[in-house]
Amino acid sequence: MRDLRGNDLPTWMDRVLADDLPALHSLVNGMKRDLDAVTAGLSMPWSSGQVEGHVTRAKLLKRMGFGRANFALLRRRILLRT
């Protein structure tokens, strides 16, 4: 995955299906549903890590105010933290 070799994915998937590993068969069958997206994710240098960090932070702020705060306060807290 670190080498960005998404073009090797079909070969790996064929090798997994040839083995007797039912858990990995399920993984491969799921990946086949959207093979283009999986291949692109393993081939391109972009990452969604920064976005995921912001989402995690927003969820933390939401949990901290659960039952005590409304949407306006949550919005204000998120905007003031950035």
PDB file of N, CA and C in Angstrom:
ATOM      1  N   MET A   1       0.814  -1.195   0.000  1.00  0.00           N
ATOM      2  CA  MET A   1       0.000   0.000   0.000  1.00  0.00           C
ATOM      3  C   MET A   1       0.857   1.258   0.000  1.00  0.00           C
ATOM      4  N   ARG A   2       1.970   1.220   0.683  1.00  0.00           N
ATOM      5  CA  ARG A   2       2.813   2.417   0.743  1.00  0.00           C
ATOM      6  C   ARG A   2       3.504   2.705  -0.579  1.00  0.00           C
ATOM      7  N   ASP A   3       3.635   1.673  -1.412  1.00  0.00           N
ATOM      8  CA  ASP A   3       4.337   1.850  -2.687  1.00  0.00           C
ATOM      9  C   ASP A   3       3.418   2.323  -3.803  1.00  0.00           C
ATOM     10  N   LEU A   4       2.124   2.515  -3.496  1.00  0.00           N
ATOM     11  CA  LEU A   4       1.131   2.991  -4.474  1.00  0.00           C
ATOM     12  C   LEU A   4       1.088   2.099  -5.710  1.00  0.00           C
ATOM     13  N   ARG A   5       0.937   0.788  -5.474  1.00  0.00           N
ATOM     14  CA  ARG A   5       0.888  -0.172  -6.581  1.00  0.00           C
ATOM     15  C   ARG A   5      -0.504  -0.770  -6.693  1.00  0.00           C
ATOM     16  N   GLY A   6      -1.484   0.047  -6.939  1.00  0.00           N
ATOM     17  CA  GLY A   6      -2.855  -0.420  -7.072  1.00  0.00           C
ATOM     18  C   GLY A   6      -3.059  -1.324  -8.265  1.00  0.00           C
ATOM     19  N   ASN A   7      -2.184  -1.213  -9.262  1.00  0.00           N
ATOM     20  CA  ASN A   7      -2.311  -2.059 -10.453  1.00  0.00           C
ATOM     21  C   ASN A   7      -1.989  -3.523 -10.143  1.00  0.00           C
ATOM     22  N   ASP A   8      -1.348  -3.820  -8.998  1.00  0.00           N
ATOM     23  CA  ASP A   8      -1.069  -5.199  -8.591  1.00  0.00           C
ATOM     24  C   ASP A   8      -2.245  -5.835  -7.855  1.00  0.00           C
ATOM     25  N   LEU A   9      -3.284  -5.072  -7.585  1.00  0.00           N
ATOM     26  CA  LEU A   9      -4.415  -5.557  -6.800  1.00  0.00           C
ATOM     27  C   LEU A   9      -5.137  -6.748  -7.433  1.00  0.00           C
ATOM     28  N   PRO A  10      -5.454  -6.736  -8.728  1.00  0.00           N
ATOM     29  CA  PRO A  10      -6.151  -7.905  -9.302  1.00  0.00           C
ATOM     30  C   PRO A  10      -5.352  -9.203  -9.159  1.00  0.00           C
ATOM     31  N   THR A  11      -4.041  -9.134  -9.292  1.00  0.00           N
ATOM     32  CA  THR A  11      -3.200 -10.318  -9.123  1.00  0.00           C
ATOM     33  C   THR A  11      -3.297 -10.831  -7.696  1.00  0.00           C
ATOM     34  N   TRP A  12      -3.237  -9.933  -6.732  1.00  0.00           N
ATOM     35  CA  TRP A  12      -3.341 -10.310  -5.327  1.00  0.00           C
ATOM     36  C   TRP A  12      -4.707 -10.926  -5.046  1.00  0.00           C
ATOM     37  N   MET A  13      -5.752 -10.336  -5.613  1.00  0.00           N
ATOM     38  CA  MET A  13      -7.097 -10.837  -5.390  1.00  0.00           C
ATOM     39  C   MET A  13      -7.261 -12.256  -5.947  1.00  0.00           C
ATOM     40  N   ASP A  14      -6.669 -12.522  -7.111  1.00  0.00           N
ATOM     41  CA  ASP A  14      -6.734 -13.872  -7.684  1.00  0.00           C
ATOM     42  C   ASP A  14      -6.005 -14.873  -6.802  1.00  0.00           C
ATOM     43  N   ARG A  15      -4.862 -14.472  -6.243  1.00  0.00           N
ATOM     44  CA  ARG A  15      -4.115 -15.370  -5.349  1.00  0.00           C
ATOM     45  C   ARG A  15      -4.902 -15.657  -4.079  1.00  0.00           C
ATOM     46  N   VAL A  16      -5.593 -14.662  -3.540  1.00  0.00           N
ATOM     47  CA  VAL A  16      -6.397 -14.861  -2.336  1.00  0.00           C
ATOM     48  C   VAL A  16      -7.547 -15.819  -2.616  1.00  0.00           C
ATOM     49  N   LEU A  17      -8.214 -15.649  -3.738  1.00  0.00           N
ATOM     50  CA  LEU A  17      -9.335 -16.528  -4.073  1.00  0.00           C
ATOM     51  C   LEU A  17      -8.882 -17.959  -4.323  1.00  0.00           C
ATOM     52  N   ALA A  18      -7.629 -18.157  -4.734  1.00  0.00           N
ATOM     53  CA  ALA A  18      -7.098 -19.500  -4.961  1.00  0.00           C
ATOM     54  C   ALA A  18      -6.785 -20.202  -3.646  1.00  0.00           C
ATOM     55  N   ASP A  19      -6.548 -19.467  -2.565  1.00  0.00           N
ATOM     56  CA  ASP A  19      -6.251 -20.041  -1.252  1.00  0.00           C
ATOM     57  C   ASP A  19      -7.544 -20.379  -0.512  1.00  0.00           C
ATOM     58  N   ASP A  20      -7.386 -21.121   0.578  1.00  0.00           N
ATOM     59  CA  ASP A  20      -8.532 -21.501   1.402  1.00  0.00           C
ATOM     60  C   ASP A  20      -8.622 -20.583   2.613  1.00  0.00           C
ATOM     61  N   LEU A  21      -8.999 -19.325   2.348  1.00  0.00           N
ATOM     62  CA  LEU A  21      -9.117 -18.325   3.404  1.00  0.00           C
ATOM     63  C   LEU A  21     -10.473 -17.632   3.279  1.00  0.00           C
ATOM     64  N   PRO A  22     -11.517 -18.195   3.898  1.00  0.00           N
ATOM     65  CA  PRO A  22     -12.868 -17.646   3.701  1.00  0.00           C
ATOM     66  C   PRO A  22     -13.024 -16.191   4.130  1.00  0.00           C
ATOM     67  N   ALA A  23     -12.326 -15.760   5.175  1.00  0.00           N
ATOM     68  CA  ALA A  23     -12.447 -14.373   5.618  1.00  0.00           C
ATOM     69  C   ALA A  23     -11.904 -13.418   4.553  1.00  0.00           C
ATOM     70  N   LEU A  24     -10.797 -13.779   3.944  1.00  0.00           N
ATOM     71  CA  LEU A  24     -10.237 -12.930   2.889  1.00  0.00           C
ATOM     72  C   LEU A  24     -11.066 -13.016   1.612  1.00  0.00           C
ATOM     73  N   HIS A  25     -11.734 -14.139   1.384  1.00  0.00           N
ATOM     74  CA  HIS A  25     -12.628 -14.236   0.216  1.00  0.00           C
ATOM     75  C   HIS A  25     -13.730 -13.197   0.324  1.00  0.00           C
ATOM     76  N   SER A  26     -14.251 -13.028   1.529  1.00  0.00           N
ATOM     77  CA  SER A  26     -15.295 -12.027   1.756  1.00  0.00           C
ATOM     78  C   SER A  26     -14.755 -10.623   1.486  1.00  0.00           C
ATOM     79  N   LEU A  27     -13.534 -10.346   1.931  1.00  0.00           N
ATOM     80  CA  LEU A  27     -12.911  -9.042   1.686  1.00  0.00           C
ATOM     81  C   LEU A  27     -12.761  -8.794   0.192  1.00  0.00           C
ATOM     82  N   VAL A  28     -12.256  -9.783  -0.527  1.00  0.00           N
ATOM     83  CA  VAL A  28     -12.043  -9.638  -1.973  1.00  0.00           C
ATOM     84  C   VAL A  28     -13.373  -9.429  -2.688  1.00  0.00           C
ATOM     85  N   ASN A  29     -14.410 -10.168  -2.291  1.00  0.00           N
ATOM     86  CA  ASN A  29     -15.711  -9.994  -2.931  1.00  0.00           C
ATOM     87  C   ASN A  29     -16.259  -8.589  -2.694  1.00  0.00           C
ATOM     88  N   GLY A  30     -16.024  -8.042  -1.507  1.00  0.00           N
ATOM     89  CA  GLY A  30     -16.441  -6.671  -1.232  1.00  0.00           C
ATOM     90  C   GLY A  30     -15.659  -5.667  -2.053  1.00  0.00           C
ATOM     91  N   MET A  31     -14.370  -5.915  -2.232  1.00  0.00           N
ATOM     92  CA  MET A  31     -13.539  -4.998  -3.020  1.00  0.00           C
ATOM     93  C   MET A  31     -13.909  -5.047  -4.494  1.00  0.00           C
ATOM     94  N   LYS A  32     -14.373  -6.196  -4.959  1.00  0.00           N
ATOM     95  CA  LYS A  32     -14.761  -6.324  -6.372  1.00  0.00           C
ATOM     96  C   LYS A  32     -15.971  -5.459  -6.711  1.00  0.00           C
ATOM     97  N   ARG A  33     -16.800  -5.144  -5.710  1.00  0.00           N
ATOM     98  CA  ARG A  33     -17.998  -4.332  -5.968  1.00  0.00           C
ATOM     99  C   ARG A  33     -17.642  -2.949  -6.502  1.00  0.00           C
ATOM    100  N   ASP A  34     -16.515  -2.411  -6.063  1.00  0.00           N
ATOM    101  CA  ASP A  34     -16.089  -1.094  -6.545  1.00  0.00           C
ATOM    102  C   ASP A  34     -14.577  -1.112  -6.758  1.00  0.00           C
ATOM    103  N   LEU A  35     -14.165  -1.969  -7.663  1.00  0.00           N
ATOM    104  CA  LEU A  35     -12.743  -2.192  -7.903  1.00  0.00           C
ATOM    105  C   LEU A  35     -12.029  -0.923  -8.364  1.00  0.00           C
ATOM    106  N   ASP A  36     -12.684  -0.104  -9.164  1.00  0.00           N
ATOM    107  CA  ASP A  36     -12.042   1.124  -9.646  1.00  0.00           C
ATOM    108  C   ASP A  36     -11.685   2.058  -8.488  1.00  0.00           C
ATOM    109  N   ALA A  37     -12.592   2.210  -7.546  1.00  0.00           N
ATOM    110  CA  ALA A  37     -12.335   3.096  -6.405  1.00  0.00           C
ATOM    111  C   ALA A  37     -11.227   2.539  -5.517  1.00  0.00           C
ATOM    112  N   VAL A  38     -11.228   1.231  -5.287  1.00  0.00           N
ATOM    113  CA  VAL A  38     -10.190   0.625  -4.450  1.00  0.00           C
ATOM    114  C   VAL A  38      -8.832   0.756  -5.121  1.00  0.00           C
ATOM    115  N   THR A  39      -8.771   0.506  -6.419  1.00  0.00           N
ATOM    116  CA  THR A  39      -7.513   0.635  -7.156  1.00  0.00           C
ATOM    117  C   THR A  39      -7.017   2.075  -7.121  1.00  0.00           C
ATOM    118  N   ALA A  40      -7.916   3.036  -7.293  1.00  0.00           N
ATOM    119  CA  ALA A  40      -7.521   4.444  -7.243  1.00  0.00           C
ATOM    120  C   ALA A  40      -7.012   4.808  -5.855  1.00  0.00           C
ATOM    121  N   GLY A  41      -7.669   4.297  -4.807  1.00  0.00           N
ATOM    122  CA  GLY A  41      -7.234   4.579  -3.446  1.00  0.00           C
ATOM    123  C   GLY A  41      -5.856   4.027  -3.140  1.00  0.00           C
ATOM    124  N   LEU A  42      -5.501   2.917  -3.782  1.00  0.00           N
ATOM    125  CA  LEU A  42      -4.186   2.322  -3.567  1.00  0.00           C
ATOM    126  C   LEU A  42      -3.140   2.864  -4.528  1.00  0.00           C
ATOM    127  N   SER A  43      -3.541   3.658  -5.505  1.00  0.00           N
ATOM    128  CA  SER A  43      -2.606   4.146  -6.515  1.00  0.00           C
ATOM    129  C   SER A  43      -2.273   5.621  -6.387  1.00  0.00           C
ATOM    130  N   MET A  44      -3.198   6.403  -5.879  1.00  0.00           N
ATOM    131  CA  MET A  44      -3.019   7.858  -5.853  1.00  0.00           C
ATOM    132  C   MET A  44      -2.400   8.321  -4.542  1.00  0.00           C
ATOM    133  N   PRO A  45      -1.616   9.389  -4.582  1.00  0.00           N
ATOM    134  CA  PRO A  45      -0.910   9.849  -3.384  1.00  0.00           C
ATOM    135  C   PRO A  45      -1.768  10.656  -2.403  1.00  0.00           C
ATOM    136  N   TRP A  46      -3.025  10.949  -2.750  1.00  0.00           N
ATOM    137  CA  TRP A  46      -3.846  11.787  -1.875  1.00  0.00           C
ATOM    138  C   TRP A  46      -4.371  10.996  -0.698  1.00  0.00           C
ATOM    139  N   SER A  47      -4.604  11.692   0.391  1.00  0.00           N
ATOM    140  CA  SER A  47      -5.119  11.065   1.603  1.00  0.00           C
ATOM    141  C   SER A  47      -6.249  11.923   2.176  1.00  0.00           C
ATOM    142  N   SER A  48      -7.192  11.274   2.832  1.00  0.00           N
ATOM    143  CA  SER A  48      -8.272  12.003   3.479  1.00  0.00           C
ATOM    144  C   SER A  48      -8.020  12.119   4.974  1.00  0.00           C
ATOM    145  N   GLY A  49      -6.801  11.900   5.405  1.00  0.00           N
ATOM    146  CA  GLY A  49      -6.452  11.913   6.818  1.00  0.00           C
ATOM    147  C   GLY A  49      -6.758  13.223   7.514  1.00  0.00           C
ATOM    148  N   GLN A  50      -6.479  14.332   6.879  1.00  0.00           N
ATOM    149  CA  GLN A  50      -6.727  15.630   7.504  1.00  0.00           C
ATOM    150  C   GLN A  50      -8.223  15.865   7.694  1.00  0.00           C
ATOM    151  N   VAL A  51      -9.012  15.500   6.700  1.00  0.00           N
ATOM    152  CA  VAL A  51     -10.460  15.655   6.807  1.00  0.00           C
ATOM    153  C   VAL A  51     -10.990  14.765   7.930  1.00  0.00           C
ATOM    154  N   GLU A  52     -10.508  13.533   8.007  1.00  0.00           N
ATOM    155  CA  GLU A  52     -10.961  12.614   9.050  1.00  0.00           C
ATOM    156  C   GLU A  52     -10.618  13.154  10.438  1.00  0.00           C
ATOM    157  N   GLY A  53      -9.493  13.832  10.570  1.00  0.00           N
ATOM    158  CA  GLY A  53      -9.132  14.437  11.844  1.00  0.00           C
ATOM    159  C   GLY A  53     -10.126  15.508  12.260  1.00  0.00           C
ATOM    160  N   HIS A  54     -10.556  16.328  11.318  1.00  0.00           N
ATOM    161  CA  HIS A  54     -11.552  17.361  11.616  1.00  0.00           C
ATOM    162  C   HIS A  54     -12.900  16.744  11.991  1.00  0.00           C
ATOM    163  N   VAL A  55     -13.278  15.661  11.301  1.00  0.00           N
ATOM    164  CA  VAL A  55     -14.539  14.989  11.612  1.00  0.00           C
ATOM    165  C   VAL A  55     -14.482  14.406  13.022  1.00  0.00           C
ATOM    166  N   THR A  56     -13.363  13.791  13.376  1.00  0.00           N
ATOM    167  CA  THR A  56     -13.206  13.226  14.714  1.00  0.00           C
ATOM    168  C   THR A  56     -13.306  14.304  15.777  1.00  0.00           C
ATOM    169  N   ARG A  57     -12.694  15.456  15.509  1.00  0.00           N
ATOM    170  CA  ARG A  57     -12.744  16.559  16.471  1.00  0.00           C
ATOM    171  C   ARG A  57     -14.172  17.081  16.632  1.00  0.00           C
ATOM    172  N   ALA A  58     -14.900  17.192  15.520  1.00  0.00           N
ATOM    173  CA  ALA A  58     -16.284  17.660  15.589  1.00  0.00           C
ATOM    174  C   ALA A  58     -17.157  16.676  16.364  1.00  0.00           C
ATOM    175  N   LYS A  59     -16.931  15.389  16.165  1.00  0.00           N
ATOM    176  CA  LYS A  59     -17.701  14.391  16.902  1.00  0.00           C
ATOM    177  C   LYS A  59     -17.383  14.451  18.392  1.00  0.00           C
ATOM    178  N   LEU A  60     -16.134  14.703  18.734  1.00  0.00           N
ATOM    179  CA  LEU A  60     -15.764  14.838  20.143  1.00  0.00           C
ATOM    180  C   LEU A  60     -16.482  16.023  20.777  1.00  0.00           C
ATOM    181  N   LEU A  61     -16.489  17.163  20.096  1.00  0.00           N
ATOM    182  CA  LEU A  61     -17.182  18.339  20.625  1.00  0.00           C
ATOM    183  C   LEU A  61     -18.680  18.082  20.771  1.00  0.00           C
ATOM    184  N   LYS A  62     -19.250  17.340  19.833  1.00  0.00           N
ATOM    185  CA  LYS A  62     -20.673  17.020  19.907  1.00  0.00           C
ATOM    186  C   LYS A  62     -20.964  16.135  21.119  1.00  0.00           C
ATOM    187  N   ARG A  63     -20.123  15.127  21.346  1.00  0.00           N
ATOM    188  CA  ARG A  63     -20.318  14.251  22.502  1.00  0.00           C
ATOM    189  C   ARG A  63     -20.148  14.998  23.811  1.00  0.00           C
ATOM    190  N   MET A  64     -19.232  15.949  23.857  1.00  0.00           N
ATOM    191  CA  MET A  64     -19.000  16.709  25.083  1.00  0.00           C
ATOM    192  C   MET A  64     -20.226  17.545  25.472  1.00  0.00           C
ATOM    193  N   GLY A  65     -21.008  17.977  24.483  1.00  0.00           N
ATOM    194  CA  GLY A  65     -22.165  18.808  24.773  1.00  0.00           C
ATOM    195  C   GLY A  65     -23.476  18.052  24.740  1.00  0.00           C
ATOM    196  N   PHE A  66     -23.417  16.738  24.664  1.00  0.00           N
ATOM    197  CA  PHE A  66     -24.636  15.942  24.539  1.00  0.00           C
ATOM    198  C   PHE A  66     -25.584  16.184  25.706  1.00  0.00           C
ATOM    199  N   GLY A  67     -26.824  16.517  25.385  1.00  0.00           N
ATOM    200  CA  GLY A  67     -27.842  16.727  26.398  1.00  0.00           C
ATOM    201  C   GLY A  67     -27.799  18.100  27.054  1.00  0.00           C
ATOM    202  N   ARG A  68     -26.783  18.882  26.772  1.00  0.00           N
ATOM    203  CA  ARG A  68     -26.662  20.187  27.424  1.00  0.00           C
ATOM    204  C   ARG A  68     -26.637  21.338  26.436  1.00  0.00           C
ATOM    205  N   ALA A  69     -26.318  21.047  25.178  1.00  0.00           N
ATOM    206  CA  ALA A  69     -26.108  22.132  24.227  1.00  0.00           C
ATOM    207  C   ALA A  69     -26.992  21.930  22.993  1.00  0.00           C
ATOM    208  N   ASN A  70     -27.254  23.021  22.317  1.00  0.00           N
ATOM    209  CA  ASN A  70     -28.029  22.940  21.086  1.00  0.00           C
ATOM    210  C   ASN A  70     -27.087  23.100  19.891  1.00  0.00           C
ATOM    211  N   PHE A  71     -27.666  23.056  18.693  1.00  0.00           N
ATOM    212  CA  PHE A  71     -26.859  23.118  17.473  1.00  0.00           C
ATOM    213  C   PHE A  71     -26.090  24.434  17.359  1.00  0.00           C
ATOM    214  N   ALA A  72     -26.672  25.524  17.777  1.00  0.00           N
ATOM    215  CA  ALA A  72     -26.006  26.830  17.660  1.00  0.00           C
ATOM    216  C   ALA A  72     -24.713  26.856  18.476  1.00  0.00           C
ATOM    217  N   LEU A  73     -24.743  26.294  19.681  1.00  0.00           N
ATOM    218  CA  LEU A  73     -23.530  26.260  20.498  1.00  0.00           C
ATOM    219  C   LEU A  73     -22.493  25.329  19.886  1.00  0.00           C
ATOM    220  N   LEU A  74     -22.916  24.178  19.392  1.00  0.00           N
ATOM    221  CA  LEU A  74     -21.983  23.251  18.745  1.00  0.00           C
ATOM    222  C   LEU A  74     -21.322  23.922  17.548  1.00  0.00           C
ATOM    223  N   ARG A  75     -22.111  24.599  16.732  1.00  0.00           N
ATOM    224  CA  ARG A  75     -21.567  25.303  15.563  1.00  0.00           C
ATOM    225  C   ARG A  75     -20.543  26.343  15.980  1.00  0.00           C
ATOM    226  N   ARG A  76     -20.850  27.075  17.026  1.00  0.00           N
ATOM    227  CA  ARG A  76     -19.945  28.124  17.512  1.00  0.00           C
ATOM    228  C   ARG A  76     -18.633  27.521  18.023  1.00  0.00           C
ATOM    229  N   ARG A  77     -18.740  26.429  18.767  1.00  0.00           N
ATOM    230  CA  ARG A  77     -17.535  25.776  19.299  1.00  0.00           C
ATOM    231  C   ARG A  77     -16.652  25.253  18.180  1.00  0.00           C
ATOM    232  N   ILE A  78     -17.265  24.665  17.162  1.00  0.00           N
ATOM    233  CA  ILE A  78     -16.488  24.140  16.036  1.00  0.00           C
ATOM    234  C   ILE A  78     -15.802  25.270  15.283  1.00  0.00           C
ATOM    235  N   LEU A  79     -16.529  26.352  15.014  1.00  0.00           N
ATOM    236  CA  LEU A  79     -15.950  27.455  14.258  1.00  0.00           C
ATOM    237  C   LEU A  79     -14.867  28.187  15.042  1.00  0.00           C
ATOM    238  N   LEU A  80     -14.995  28.278  16.346  1.00  0.00           N
ATOM    239  CA  LEU A  80     -13.977  28.966  17.147  1.00  0.00           C
ATOM    240  C   LEU A  80     -12.719  28.138  17.322  1.00  0.00           C
ATOM    241  N   ARG A  81     -12.814  26.818  17.174  1.00  0.00           N
ATOM    242  CA  ARG A  81     -11.657  25.961  17.363  1.00  0.00           C
ATOM    243  C   ARG A  81     -10.784  25.896  16.127  1.00  0.00           C
ATOM    244  N   THR A  82     -11.266  26.300  14.965  1.00  0.00           N
ATOM    245  CA  THR A  82     -10.471  26.182  13.736  1.00  0.00           C
ATOM    246  C   THR A  82      -9.586  27.364  13.512  1.00  0.00           C
TER     247      THR A  82
END
